[in-house]
Amino acid sequence: MFLFLYKLLKKKYICSKIEQMSDNQDHFEILRKIQKKPESSQRELADDLGFSLGKLNYCLKSLQNKGFIKIKNFKNSDNKLNYLYLLTPKGLSHKTRLTLAYMKRKMKEYDELKKEINKD
C-alpha cells in the first residue's frame, strides 16, 4: 500500500513538474515577444507563438496576476481592443531567470547530443 501511494505521489509530482516546465516555456516565449513588440495584438501574439487565442489570453492573465506584466488600453485608439503589454520589473527579473534556465537546458541537451555522437 505504501509503495502504491509513493508511486502515485511521485507520478503526480513529475506530471506537475512537466506542466510547470511547459508553462514556464510558454511564459518565456510570451515575455520575449512582449518585450520586443509591446503593442502587439493578442491575435498577432497568438499567431507568432502558435497558440490559440484562448491559451494566449489564459497565459496573459496568469502573467498579469503574478505581477509580471501590465495590460493597458491605447488611450488614443479608435479601436478599444488594442492593448499595450508592459513588462514590470518583476516580469523582467522573471524573464531573466527563465532565460537562464532555458540556456542551461539547451546546453545540457547539446552536451548529451555531443556525447551520443562521440559514442558512435
PDB file of N, CA and C in Angstrom:
ATOM      1  N   MET A   1       0.831  -1.201   0.000  1.00  0.00           N
ATOM      2  CA  MET A   1       0.000   0.000   0.000  1.00  0.00           C
ATOM      3  C   MET A   1       0.867   1.253   0.000  1.00  0.00           C
ATOM      4  N   PHE A   2       1.891   1.249   0.854  1.00  0.00           N
ATOM      5  CA  PHE A   2       2.784   2.405   0.932  1.00  0.00           C
ATOM      6  C   PHE A   2       3.497   2.629  -0.392  1.00  0.00           C
ATOM      7  N   LEU A   3       3.939   1.555  -1.017  1.00  0.00           N
ATOM      8  CA  LEU A   3       4.633   1.650  -2.297  1.00  0.00           C
ATOM      9  C   LEU A   3       3.719   2.227  -3.366  1.00  0.00           C
ATOM     10  N   PHE A   4       2.456   1.786  -3.367  1.00  0.00           N
ATOM     11  CA  PHE A   4       1.477   2.301  -4.320  1.00  0.00           C
ATOM     12  C   PHE A   4       1.289   3.812  -4.151  1.00  0.00           C
ATOM     13  N   LEU A   5       1.114   4.264  -2.908  1.00  0.00           N
ATOM     14  CA  LEU A   5       0.945   5.698  -2.639  1.00  0.00           C
ATOM     15  C   LEU A   5       2.187   6.478  -3.028  1.00  0.00           C
ATOM     16  N   TYR A   6       3.346   5.911  -2.760  1.00  0.00           N
ATOM     17  CA  TYR A   6       4.604   6.565  -3.120  1.00  0.00           C
ATOM     18  C   TYR A   6       4.696   6.747  -4.632  1.00  0.00           C
ATOM     19  N   LYS A   7       4.372   5.692  -5.386  1.00  0.00           N
ATOM     20  CA  LYS A   7       4.428   5.768  -6.849  1.00  0.00           C
ATOM     21  C   LYS A   7       3.413   6.777  -7.380  1.00  0.00           C
ATOM     22  N   LEU A   8       2.230   6.786  -6.800  1.00  0.00           N
ATOM     23  CA  LEU A   8       1.188   7.717  -7.226  1.00  0.00           C
ATOM     24  C   LEU A   8       1.614   9.162  -6.974  1.00  0.00           C
ATOM     25  N   LEU A   9       2.143   9.437  -5.783  1.00  0.00           N
ATOM     26  CA  LEU A   9       2.602  10.785  -5.459  1.00  0.00           C
ATOM     27  C   LEU A   9       3.777  11.198  -6.349  1.00  0.00           C
ATOM     28  N   LYS A  10       4.677  10.261  -6.593  1.00  0.00           N
ATOM     29  CA  LYS A  10       5.828  10.546  -7.452  1.00  0.00           C
ATOM     30  C   LYS A  10       5.361  10.876  -8.867  1.00  0.00           C
ATOM     31  N   LYS A  11       4.390  10.109  -9.374  1.00  0.00           N
ATOM     32  CA  LYS A  11       3.856  10.350 -10.716  1.00  0.00           C
ATOM     33  C   LYS A  11       3.192  11.728 -10.787  1.00  0.00           C
ATOM     34  N   LYS A  12       2.390  12.072  -9.778  1.00  0.00           N
ATOM     35  CA  LYS A  12       1.739  13.385  -9.751  1.00  0.00           C
ATOM     36  C   LYS A  12       2.770  14.505  -9.673  1.00  0.00           C
ATOM     37  N   TYR A  13       3.826  14.296  -8.884  1.00  0.00           N
ATOM     38  CA  TYR A  13       4.891  15.286  -8.758  1.00  0.00           C
ATOM     39  C   TYR A  13       5.587  15.498 -10.093  1.00  0.00           C
ATOM     40  N   ILE A  14       5.907  14.411 -10.778  1.00  0.00           N
ATOM     41  CA  ILE A  14       6.576  14.501 -12.076  1.00  0.00           C
ATOM     42  C   ILE A  14       5.670  15.189 -13.090  1.00  0.00           C
ATOM     43  N   CYS A  15       4.390  14.827 -13.104  1.00  0.00           N
ATOM     44  CA  CYS A  15       3.443  15.466 -14.025  1.00  0.00           C
ATOM     45  C   CYS A  15       3.334  16.959 -13.750  1.00  0.00           C
ATOM     46  N   SER A  16       3.289  17.350 -12.481  1.00  0.00           N
ATOM     47  CA  SER A  16       3.176  18.778 -12.161  1.00  0.00           C
ATOM     48  C   SER A  16       4.453  19.513 -12.572  1.00  0.00           C
ATOM     49  N   LYS A  17       5.616  18.866 -12.439  1.00  0.00           N
ATOM     50  CA  LYS A  17       6.875  19.485 -12.867  1.00  0.00           C
ATOM     51  C   LYS A  17       6.901  19.667 -14.379  1.00  0.00           C
ATOM     52  N   ILE A  18       6.415  18.678 -15.119  1.00  0.00           N
ATOM     53  CA  ILE A  18       6.360  18.784 -16.582  1.00  0.00           C
ATOM     54  C   ILE A  18       5.420  19.910 -16.989  1.00  0.00           C
ATOM     55  N   GLU A  19       4.249  19.997 -16.344  1.00  0.00           N
ATOM     56  CA  GLU A  19       3.311  21.080 -16.638  1.00  0.00           C
ATOM     57  C   GLU A  19       3.937  22.430 -16.310  1.00  0.00           C
ATOM     58  N   GLN A  20       4.650  22.511 -15.199  1.00  0.00           N
ATOM     59  CA  GLN A  20       5.294  23.755 -14.795  1.00  0.00           C
ATOM     60  C   GLN A  20       6.356  24.156 -15.819  1.00  0.00           C
ATOM     61  N   MET A  21       7.137  23.188 -16.311  1.00  0.00           N
ATOM     62  CA  MET A  21       8.148  23.486 -17.326  1.00  0.00           C
ATOM     63  C   MET A  21       7.486  24.001 -18.592  1.00  0.00           C
ATOM     64  N   SER A  22       6.365  23.388 -18.967  1.00  0.00           N
ATOM     65  CA  SER A  22       5.640  23.817 -20.156  1.00  0.00           C
ATOM     66  C   SER A  22       5.113  25.237 -19.980  1.00  0.00           C
ATOM     67  N   ASP A  23       4.520  25.506 -18.808  1.00  0.00           N
ATOM     68  CA  ASP A  23       4.035  26.861 -18.520  1.00  0.00           C
ATOM     69  C   ASP A  23       5.182  27.864 -18.553  1.00  0.00           C
ATOM     70  N   ASN A  24       6.311  27.495 -17.952  1.00  0.00           N
ATOM     71  CA  ASN A  24       7.463  28.399 -17.948  1.00  0.00           C
ATOM     72  C   ASN A  24       7.945  28.680 -19.359  1.00  0.00           C
ATOM     73  N   GLN A  25       7.957  27.656 -20.215  1.00  0.00           N
ATOM     74  CA  GLN A  25       8.382  27.850 -21.602  1.00  0.00           C
ATOM     75  C   GLN A  25       7.411  28.780 -22.318  1.00  0.00           C
ATOM     76  N   ASP A  26       6.108  28.574 -22.108  1.00  0.00           N
ATOM     77  CA  ASP A  26       5.101  29.443 -22.723  1.00  0.00           C
ATOM     78  C   ASP A  26       5.272  30.880 -22.227  1.00  0.00           C
ATOM     79  N   HIS A  27       5.427  31.034 -20.918  1.00  0.00           N
ATOM     80  CA  HIS A  27       5.590  32.371 -20.339  1.00  0.00           C
ATOM     81  C   HIS A  27       6.856  33.033 -20.859  1.00  0.00           C
ATOM     82  N   PHE A  28       7.922  32.271 -20.971  1.00  0.00           N
ATOM     83  CA  PHE A  28       9.190  32.796 -21.502  1.00  0.00           C
ATOM     84  C   PHE A  28       8.992  33.344 -22.911  1.00  0.00           C
ATOM     85  N   GLU A  29       8.333  32.560 -23.767  1.00  0.00           N
ATOM     86  CA  GLU A  29       8.110  32.993 -25.152  1.00  0.00           C
ATOM     87  C   GLU A  29       7.231  34.241 -25.201  1.00  0.00           C
ATOM     88  N   ILE A  30       6.191  34.283 -24.382  1.00  0.00           N
ATOM     89  CA  ILE A  30       5.303  35.448 -24.360  1.00  0.00           C
ATOM     90  C   ILE A  30       6.056  36.688 -23.876  1.00  0.00           C
ATOM     91  N   LEU A  31       6.821  36.557 -22.805  1.00  0.00           N
ATOM     92  CA  LEU A  31       7.570  37.694 -22.271  1.00  0.00           C
ATOM     93  C   LEU A  31       8.577  38.212 -23.297  1.00  0.00           C
ATOM     94  N   ARG A  32       9.216  37.302 -24.041  1.00  0.00           N
ATOM     95  CA  ARG A  32      10.159  37.720 -25.090  1.00  0.00           C
ATOM     96  C   ARG A  32       9.447  38.535 -26.163  1.00  0.00           C
ATOM     97  N   LYS A  33       8.308  38.030 -26.628  1.00  0.00           N
ATOM     98  CA  LYS A  33       7.552  38.720 -27.686  1.00  0.00           C
ATOM     99  C   LYS A  33       7.059  40.084 -27.204  1.00  0.00           C
ATOM    100  N   ILE A  34       6.569  40.132 -25.968  1.00  0.00           N
ATOM    101  CA  ILE A  34       6.062  41.392 -25.418  1.00  0.00           C
ATOM    102  C   ILE A  34       7.182  42.410 -25.295  1.00  0.00           C
ATOM    103  N   GLN A  35       8.352  41.963 -24.869  1.00  0.00           N
ATOM    104  CA  GLN A  35       9.465  42.893 -24.713  1.00  0.00           C
ATOM    105  C   GLN A  35       9.888  43.466 -26.069  1.00  0.00           C
ATOM    106  N   LYS A  36       9.848  42.630 -27.101  1.00  0.00           N
ATOM    107  CA  LYS A  36      10.243  43.089 -28.440  1.00  0.00           C
ATOM    108  C   LYS A  36       9.209  44.017 -29.060  1.00  0.00           C
ATOM    109  N   LYS A  37       7.918  43.681 -28.855  1.00  0.00           N
ATOM    110  CA  LYS A  37       6.852  44.457 -29.506  1.00  0.00           C
ATOM    111  C   LYS A  37       5.641  44.548 -28.575  1.00  0.00           C
ATOM    112  N   PRO A  38       5.682  45.494 -27.620  1.00  0.00           N
ATOM    113  CA  PRO A  38       4.611  45.580 -26.611  1.00  0.00           C
ATOM    114  C   PRO A  38       3.242  45.968 -27.167  1.00  0.00           C
ATOM    115  N   GLU A  39       3.201  46.545 -28.356  1.00  0.00           N
ATOM    116  CA  GLU A  39       1.917  46.973 -28.920  1.00  0.00           C
ATOM    117  C   GLU A  39       1.251  45.882 -29.756  1.00  0.00           C
ATOM    118  N   SER A  40       1.802  44.667 -29.743  1.00  0.00           N
ATOM    119  CA  SER A  40       1.219  43.545 -30.498  1.00  0.00           C
ATOM    120  C   SER A  40      -0.200  43.261 -30.022  1.00  0.00           C
ATOM    121  N   SER A  41      -1.044  42.889 -30.971  1.00  0.00           N
ATOM    122  CA  SER A  41      -2.392  42.468 -30.591  1.00  0.00           C
ATOM    123  C   SER A  41      -2.334  41.023 -30.111  1.00  0.00           C
ATOM    124  N   GLN A  42      -3.386  40.607 -29.427  1.00  0.00           N
ATOM    125  CA  GLN A  42      -3.431  39.216 -28.978  1.00  0.00           C
ATOM    126  C   GLN A  42      -3.392  38.268 -30.172  1.00  0.00           C
ATOM    127  N   ARG A  43      -4.065  38.639 -31.233  1.00  0.00           N
ATOM    128  CA  ARG A  43      -4.084  37.790 -32.428  1.00  0.00           C
ATOM    129  C   ARG A  43      -2.676  37.658 -33.020  1.00  0.00           C
ATOM    130  N   GLU A  44      -1.929  38.771 -33.081  1.00  0.00           N
ATOM    131  CA  GLU A  44      -0.552  38.723 -33.589  1.00  0.00           C
ATOM    132  C   GLU A  44       0.325  37.842 -32.694  1.00  0.00           C
ATOM    133  N   LEU A  45       0.207  38.052 -31.387  1.00  0.00           N
ATOM    134  CA  LEU A  45       0.991  37.243 -30.448  1.00  0.00           C
ATOM    135  C   LEU A  45       0.650  35.761 -30.587  1.00  0.00           C
ATOM    136  N   ALA A  46      -0.636  35.457 -30.655  1.00  0.00           N
ATOM    137  CA  ALA A  46      -1.066  34.059 -30.773  1.00  0.00           C
ATOM    138  C   ALA A  46      -0.521  33.442 -32.063  1.00  0.00           C
ATOM    139  N   ASP A  47      -0.607  34.173 -33.171  1.00  0.00           N
ATOM    140  CA  ASP A  47      -0.095  33.668 -34.448  1.00  0.00           C
ATOM    141  C   ASP A  47       1.410  33.458 -34.395  1.00  0.00           C
ATOM    142  N   ASP A  48       2.140  34.433 -33.847  1.00  0.00           N
ATOM    143  CA  ASP A  48       3.602  34.335 -33.763  1.00  0.00           C
ATOM    144  C   ASP A  48       4.041  33.154 -32.904  1.00  0.00           C
ATOM    145  N   LEU A  49       3.299  32.887 -31.834  1.00  0.00           N
ATOM    146  CA  LEU A  49       3.683  31.844 -30.891  1.00  0.00           C
ATOM    147  C   LEU A  49       3.076  30.478 -31.215  1.00  0.00           C
ATOM    148  N   GLY A  50       2.116  30.461 -32.149  1.00  0.00           N
ATOM    149  CA  GLY A  50       1.446  29.207 -32.465  1.00  0.00           C
ATOM    150  C   GLY A  50       0.457  28.777 -31.389  1.00  0.00           C
ATOM    151  N   PHE A  51      -0.092  29.752 -30.658  1.00  0.00           N
ATOM    152  CA  PHE A  51      -1.060  29.496 -29.595  1.00  0.00           C
ATOM    153  C   PHE A  51      -2.462  29.804 -30.111  1.00  0.00           C
ATOM    154  N   SER A  52      -3.448  29.202 -29.480  1.00  0.00           N
ATOM    155  CA  SER A  52      -4.820  29.639 -29.725  1.00  0.00           C
ATOM    156  C   SER A  52      -5.027  30.943 -28.955  1.00  0.00           C
ATOM    157  N   LEU A  53      -6.030  31.711 -29.346  1.00  0.00           N
ATOM    158  CA  LEU A  53      -6.321  32.955 -28.622  1.00  0.00           C
ATOM    159  C   LEU A  53      -6.683  32.666 -27.173  1.00  0.00           C
ATOM    160  N   GLY A  54      -7.401  31.576 -26.943  1.00  0.00           N
ATOM    161  CA  GLY A  54      -7.783  31.206 -25.581  1.00  0.00           C
ATOM    162  C   GLY A  54      -6.573  30.907 -24.711  1.00  0.00           C
ATOM    163  N   LYS A  55      -5.620  30.148 -25.259  1.00  0.00           N
ATOM    164  CA  LYS A  55      -4.411  29.820 -24.495  1.00  0.00           C
ATOM    165  C   LYS A  55      -3.611  31.080 -24.212  1.00  0.00           C
ATOM    166  N   LEU A  56      -3.470  31.940 -25.220  1.00  0.00           N
ATOM    167  CA  LEU A  56      -2.713  33.171 -25.016  1.00  0.00           C
ATOM    168  C   LEU A  56      -3.383  34.042 -23.963  1.00  0.00           C
ATOM    169  N   ASN A  57      -4.693  34.188 -24.037  1.00  0.00           N
ATOM    170  CA  ASN A  57      -5.413  35.008 -23.069  1.00  0.00           C
ATOM    171  C   ASN A  57      -5.239  34.450 -21.658  1.00  0.00           C
ATOM    172  N   TYR A  58      -5.310  33.128 -21.520  1.00  0.00           N
ATOM    173  CA  TYR A  58      -5.101  32.468 -20.226  1.00  0.00           C
ATOM    174  C   TYR A  58      -3.701  32.786 -19.693  1.00  0.00           C
ATOM    175  N   CYS A  59      -2.686  32.664 -20.555  1.00  0.00           N
ATOM    176  CA  CYS A  59      -1.302  32.932 -20.142  1.00  0.00           C
ATOM    177  C   CYS A  59      -1.104  34.401 -19.785  1.00  0.00           C
ATOM    178  N   LEU A  60      -1.687  35.308 -20.572  1.00  0.00           N
ATOM    179  CA  LEU A  60      -1.552  36.738 -20.277  1.00  0.00           C
ATOM    180  C   LEU A  60      -2.176  37.080 -18.932  1.00  0.00           C
ATOM    181  N   LYS A  61      -3.348  36.515 -18.658  1.00  0.00           N
ATOM    182  CA  LYS A  61      -3.998  36.755 -17.353  1.00  0.00           C
ATOM    183  C   LYS A  61      -3.129  36.213 -16.221  1.00  0.00           C
ATOM    184  N   SER A  62      -2.532  35.048 -16.430  1.00  0.00           N
ATOM    185  CA  SER A  62      -1.661  34.460 -15.421  1.00  0.00           C
ATOM    186  C   SER A  62      -0.448  35.356 -15.163  1.00  0.00           C
ATOM    187  N   LEU A  63       0.162  35.837 -16.235  1.00  0.00           N
ATOM    188  CA  LEU A  63       1.317  36.735 -16.102  1.00  0.00           C
ATOM    189  C   LEU A  63       0.920  38.038 -15.415  1.00  0.00           C
ATOM    190  N   GLN A  64      -0.265  38.537 -15.735  1.00  0.00           N
ATOM    191  CA  GLN A  64      -0.750  39.766 -15.104  1.00  0.00           C
ATOM    192  C   GLN A  64      -1.026  39.538 -13.618  1.00  0.00           C
ATOM    193  N   ASN A  65      -1.665  38.423 -13.279  1.00  0.00           N
ATOM    194  CA  ASN A  65      -1.981  38.118 -11.878  1.00  0.00           C
ATOM    195  C   ASN A  65      -0.724  37.935 -11.037  1.00  0.00           C
ATOM    196  N   LYS A  66       0.340  37.445 -11.646  1.00  0.00           N
ATOM    197  CA  LYS A  66       1.607  37.258 -10.934  1.00  0.00           C
ATOM    198  C   LYS A  66       2.415  38.551 -10.856  1.00  0.00           C
ATOM    199  N   GLY A  67       1.943  39.594 -11.541  1.00  0.00           N
ATOM    200  CA  GLY A  67       2.619  40.885 -11.494  1.00  0.00           C
ATOM    201  C   GLY A  67       3.781  41.008 -12.468  1.00  0.00           C
ATOM    202  N   PHE A  68       3.836  40.128 -13.490  1.00  0.00           N
ATOM    203  CA  PHE A  68       4.935  40.155 -14.439  1.00  0.00           C
ATOM    204  C   PHE A  68       4.680  41.111 -15.603  1.00  0.00           C
ATOM    205  N   ILE A  69       3.406  41.375 -15.905  1.00  0.00           N
ATOM    206  CA  ILE A  69       3.071  42.321 -16.967  1.00  0.00           C
ATOM    207  C   ILE A  69       1.933  43.221 -16.502  1.00  0.00           C
ATOM    208  N   LYS A  70       1.858  44.377 -17.162  1.00  0.00           N
ATOM    209  CA  LYS A  70       0.713  45.278 -17.012  1.00  0.00           C
ATOM    210  C   LYS A  70       0.058  45.362 -18.379  1.00  0.00           C
ATOM    211  N   ILE A  71      -1.265  45.406 -18.374  1.00  0.00           N
ATOM    212  CA  ILE A  71      -2.024  45.497 -19.617  1.00  0.00           C
ATOM    213  C   ILE A  71      -2.762  46.817 -19.595  1.00  0.00           C
ATOM    214  N   LYS A  72      -2.499  47.641 -20.623  1.00  0.00           N
ATOM    215  CA  LYS A  72      -3.143  48.958 -20.697  1.00  0.00           C
ATOM    216  C   LYS A  72      -3.788  49.138 -22.059  1.00  0.00           C
ATOM    217  N   ASN A  73      -4.921  49.854 -22.085  1.00  0.00           N
ATOM    218  CA  ASN A  73      -5.563  50.227 -23.348  1.00  0.00           C
ATOM    219  C   ASN A  73      -4.790  51.372 -23.986  1.00  0.00           C
ATOM    220  N   PHE A  74      -4.764  51.396 -25.327  1.00  0.00           N
ATOM    221  CA  PHE A  74      -4.249  52.575 -26.014  1.00  0.00           C
ATOM    222  C   PHE A  74      -5.251  53.698 -25.786  1.00  0.00           C
ATOM    223  N   LYS A  75      -4.795  54.823 -25.293  1.00  0.00           N
ATOM    224  CA  LYS A  75      -5.715  55.916 -24.975  1.00  0.00           C
ATOM    225  C   LYS A  75      -6.264  56.578 -26.227  1.00  0.00           C
ATOM    226  N   ASN A  76      -5.441  56.760 -27.247  1.00  0.00           N
ATOM    227  CA  ASN A  76      -5.866  57.495 -28.437  1.00  0.00           C
ATOM    228  C   ASN A  76      -6.333  56.577 -29.559  1.00  0.00           C
ATOM    229  N   SER A  77      -6.673  55.358 -29.238  1.00  0.00           N
ATOM    230  CA  SER A  77      -7.059  54.414 -30.263  1.00  0.00           C
ATOM    231  C   SER A  77      -8.565  54.444 -30.481  1.00  0.00           C
ATOM    232  N   ASP A  78      -8.981  54.410 -31.753  1.00  0.00           N
ATOM    233  CA  ASP A  78     -10.400  54.284 -32.068  1.00  0.00           C
ATOM    234  C   ASP A  78     -10.887  52.870 -31.748  1.00  0.00           C
ATOM    235  N   ASN A  79      -9.967  51.922 -31.890  1.00  0.00           N
ATOM    236  CA  ASN A  79     -10.294  50.530 -31.598  1.00  0.00           C
ATOM    237  C   ASN A  79      -9.895  50.244 -30.151  1.00  0.00           C
ATOM    238  N   LYS A  80     -10.857  50.148 -29.274  1.00  0.00           N
ATOM    239  CA  LYS A  80     -10.577  49.968 -27.846  1.00  0.00           C
ATOM    240  C   LYS A  80     -10.110  48.548 -27.518  1.00  0.00           C
ATOM    241  N   LEU A  81      -9.985  47.693 -28.539  1.00  0.00           N
ATOM    242  CA  LEU A  81      -9.479  46.349 -28.309  1.00  0.00           C
ATOM    243  C   LEU A  81      -7.957  46.311 -28.303  1.00  0.00           C
ATOM    244  N   ASN A  82      -7.319  47.420 -28.687  1.00  0.00           N
ATOM    245  CA  ASN A  82      -5.861  47.452 -28.705  1.00  0.00           C
ATOM    246  C   ASN A  82      -5.318  47.671 -27.302  1.00  0.00           C
ATOM    247  N   TYR A  83      -4.327  46.869 -26.958  1.00  0.00           N
ATOM    248  CA  TYR A  83      -3.714  46.951 -25.645  1.00  0.00           C
ATOM    249  C   TYR A  83      -2.214  47.119 -25.788  1.00  0.00           C
ATOM    250  N   LEU A  84      -1.617  47.596 -24.719  1.00  0.00           N
ATOM    251  CA  LEU A  84      -0.177  47.686 -24.617  1.00  0.00           C
ATOM    252  C   LEU A  84       0.232  46.777 -23.474  1.00  0.00           C
ATOM    253  N   TYR A  85       1.149  45.866 -23.751  1.00  0.00           N
ATOM    254  CA  TYR A  85       1.614  44.914 -22.749  1.00  0.00           C
ATOM    255  C   TYR A  85       2.990  45.352 -22.282  1.00  0.00           C
ATOM    256  N   LEU A  86       3.111  45.627 -21.000  1.00  0.00           N
ATOM    257  CA  LEU A  86       4.365  46.128 -20.446  1.00  0.00           C
ATOM    258  C   LEU A  86       4.933  45.156 -19.428  1.00  0.00           C
ATOM    259  N   LEU A  87       6.220  44.857 -19.565  1.00  0.00           N
ATOM    260  CA  LEU A  87       6.891  44.039 -18.557  1.00  0.00           C
ATOM    261  C   LEU A  87       7.150  44.892 -17.331  1.00  0.00           C
ATOM    262  N   THR A  88       6.821  44.366 -16.183  1.00  0.00           N
ATOM    263  CA  THR A  88       7.120  45.047 -14.925  1.00  0.00           C
ATOM    264  C   THR A  88       8.558  44.684 -14.533  1.00  0.00           C
ATOM    265  N   PRO A  89       9.150  45.394 -13.582  1.00  0.00           N
ATOM    266  CA  PRO A  89      10.487  44.979 -13.108  1.00  0.00           C
ATOM    267  C   PRO A  89      10.493  43.522 -12.632  1.00  0.00           C
ATOM    268  N   LYS A  90       9.421  43.116 -11.973  1.00  0.00           N
ATOM    269  CA  LYS A  90       9.295  41.729 -11.528  1.00  0.00           C
ATOM    270  C   LYS A  90       9.239  40.790 -12.738  1.00  0.00           C
ATOM    271  N   GLY A  91       8.548  41.205 -13.789  1.00  0.00           N
ATOM    272  CA  GLY A  91       8.454  40.414 -15.005  1.00  0.00           C
ATOM    273  C   GLY A  91       9.789  40.303 -15.723  1.00  0.00           C
ATOM    274  N   LEU A  92      10.539  41.389 -15.735  1.00  0.00           N
ATOM    275  CA  LEU A  92      11.868  41.379 -16.363  1.00  0.00           C
ATOM    276  C   LEU A  92      12.799  40.440 -15.604  1.00  0.00           C
ATOM    277  N   SER A  93      12.720  40.468 -14.294  1.00  0.00           N
ATOM    278  CA  SER A  93      13.527  39.570 -13.468  1.00  0.00           C
ATOM    279  C   SER A  93      13.132  38.117 -13.719  1.00  0.00           C
ATOM    280  N   HIS A  94      11.843  37.861 -13.811  1.00  0.00           N
ATOM    281  CA  HIS A  94      11.354  36.506 -14.081  1.00  0.00           C
ATOM    282  C   HIS A  94      11.815  36.042 -15.464  1.00  0.00           C
ATOM    283  N   LYS A  95      11.741  36.919 -16.449  1.00  0.00           N
ATOM    284  CA  LYS A  95      12.186  36.591 -17.800  1.00  0.00           C
ATOM    285  C   LYS A  95      13.671  36.238 -17.802  1.00  0.00           C
ATOM    286  N   THR A  96      14.459  36.962 -17.037  1.00  0.00           N
ATOM    287  CA  THR A  96      15.893  36.683 -16.939  1.00  0.00           C
ATOM    288  C   THR A  96      16.134  35.295 -16.355  1.00  0.00           C
ATOM    289  N   ARG A  97      15.393  34.952 -15.298  1.00  0.00           N
ATOM    290  CA  ARG A  97      15.527  33.615 -14.697  1.00  0.00           C
ATOM    291  C   ARG A  97      15.125  32.527 -15.687  1.00  0.00           C
ATOM    292  N   LEU A  98      14.038  32.765 -16.417  1.00  0.00           N
ATOM    293  CA  LEU A  98      13.588  31.795 -17.410  1.00  0.00           C
ATOM    294  C   LEU A  98      14.606  31.656 -18.543  1.00  0.00           C
ATOM    295  N   THR A  99      15.224  32.765 -18.921  1.00  0.00           N
ATOM    296  CA  THR A  99      16.246  32.734 -19.972  1.00  0.00           C
ATOM    297  C   THR A  99      17.438  31.897 -19.530  1.00  0.00           C
ATOM    298  N   LEU A 100      17.880  32.091 -18.302  1.00  0.00           N
ATOM    299  CA  LEU A 100      18.999  31.309 -17.779  1.00  0.00           C
ATOM    300  C   LEU A 100      18.655  29.823 -17.721  1.00  0.00           C
ATOM    301  N   ALA A 101      17.459  29.498 -17.269  1.00  0.00           N
ATOM    302  CA  ALA A 101      17.032  28.100 -17.206  1.00  0.00           C
ATOM    303  C   ALA A 101      16.968  27.498 -18.603  1.00  0.00           C
ATOM    304  N   TYR A 102      16.488  28.280 -19.562  1.00  0.00           N
ATOM    305  CA  TYR A 102      16.411  27.840 -20.957  1.00  0.00           C
ATOM    306  C   TYR A 102      17.807  27.552 -21.507  1.00  0.00           C
ATOM    307  N   MET A 103      18.733  28.463 -21.254  1.00  0.00           N
ATOM    308  CA  MET A 103      20.103  28.289 -21.741  1.00  0.00           C
ATOM    309  C   MET A 103      20.764  27.070 -21.100  1.00  0.00           C
ATOM    310  N   LYS A 104      20.560  26.872 -19.809  1.00  0.00           N
ATOM    311  CA  LYS A 104      21.125  25.694 -19.130  1.00  0.00           C
ATOM    312  C   LYS A 104      20.568  24.413 -19.723  1.00  0.00           C
ATOM    313  N   ARG A 105      19.257  24.400 -19.968  1.00  0.00           N
ATOM    314  CA  ARG A 105      18.620  23.215 -20.535  1.00  0.00           C
ATOM    315  C   ARG A 105      19.166  22.920 -21.928  1.00  0.00           C
ATOM    316  N   LYS A 106      19.324  23.948 -22.744  1.00  0.00           N
ATOM    317  CA  LYS A 106      19.838  23.763 -24.102  1.00  0.00           C
ATOM    318  C   LYS A 106      21.298  23.328 -24.098  1.00  0.00           C
ATOM    319  N   MET A 107      22.089  23.861 -23.175  1.00  0.00           N
ATOM    320  CA  MET A 107      23.490  23.448 -23.075  1.00  0.00           C
ATOM    321  C   MET A 107      23.584  21.982 -22.653  1.00  0.00           C
ATOM    322  N   LYS A 108      22.713  21.569 -21.742  1.00  0.00           N
ATOM    323  CA  LYS A 108      22.696  20.172 -21.307  1.00  0.00           C
ATOM    324  C   LYS A 108      22.312  19.265 -22.478  1.00  0.00           C
ATOM    325  N   GLU A 109      21.297  19.668 -23.247  1.00  0.00           N
ATOM    326  CA  GLU A 109      20.896  18.897 -24.421  1.00  0.00           C
ATOM    327  C   GLU A 109      22.044  18.805 -25.422  1.00  0.00           C
ATOM    328  N   TYR A 110      22.738  19.911 -25.634  1.00  0.00           N
ATOM    329  CA  TYR A 110      23.873  19.946 -26.549  1.00  0.00           C
ATOM    330  C   TYR A 110      24.957  18.972 -26.080  1.00  0.00           C
ATOM    331  N   ASP A 111      25.297  19.019 -24.801  1.00  0.00           N
ATOM    332  CA  ASP A 111      26.322  18.124 -24.255  1.00  0.00           C
ATOM    333  C   ASP A 111      25.919  16.658 -24.402  1.00  0.00           C
ATOM    334  N   GLU A 112      24.636  16.357 -24.146  1.00  0.00           N
ATOM    335  CA  GLU A 112      24.161  14.983 -24.277  1.00  0.00           C
ATOM    336  C   GLU A 112      24.224  14.513 -25.725  1.00  0.00           C
ATOM    337  N   LEU A 113      23.846  15.367 -26.669  1.00  0.00           N
ATOM    338  CA  LEU A 113      23.923  15.015 -28.082  1.00  0.00           C
ATOM    339  C   LEU A 113      25.373  14.815 -28.522  1.00  0.00           C
ATOM    340  N   LYS A 114      26.244  15.676 -28.024  1.00  0.00           N
ATOM    341  CA  LYS A 114      27.661  15.573 -28.357  1.00  0.00           C
ATOM    342  C   LYS A 114      28.229  14.236 -27.864  1.00  0.00           C
ATOM    343  N   LYS A 115      27.871  13.846 -26.638  1.00  0.00           N
ATOM    344  CA  LYS A 115      28.320  12.564 -26.094  1.00  0.00           C
ATOM    345  C   LYS A 115      27.794  11.400 -26.932  1.00  0.00           C
ATOM    346  N   GLU A 116      26.522  11.498 -27.318  1.00  0.00           N
ATOM    347  CA  GLU A 116      25.905  10.445 -28.110  1.00  0.00           C
ATOM    348  C   GLU A 116      26.575  10.309 -29.482  1.00  0.00           C
ATOM    349  N   ILE A 117      26.900  11.424 -30.096  1.00  0.00           N
ATOM    350  CA  ILE A 117      27.577  11.398 -31.398  1.00  0.00           C
ATOM    351  C   ILE A 117      28.975  10.819 -31.266  1.00  0.00           C
ATOM    352  N   ASN A 118      29.669  11.185 -30.198  1.00  0.00           N
ATOM    353  CA  ASN A 118      31.032  10.690 -29.990  1.00  0.00           C
ATOM    354  C   ASN A 118      31.069   9.190 -29.702  1.00  0.00           C
ATOM    355  N   LYS A 119      29.976   8.623 -29.157  1.00  0.00           N
ATOM    356  CA  LYS A 119      29.910   7.184 -28.896  1.00  0.00           C
ATOM    357  C   LYS A 119      29.910   6.391 -30.193  1.00  0.00           C
ATOM    358  N   ASP A 120      29.287   6.937 -31.211  1.00  0.00           N
ATOM    359  CA  ASP A 120      29.182   6.232 -32.493  1.00  0.00           C
ATOM    360  C   ASP A 120      30.463   6.349 -33.220  1.00  0.00           C
TER     361      ASP A 120
END
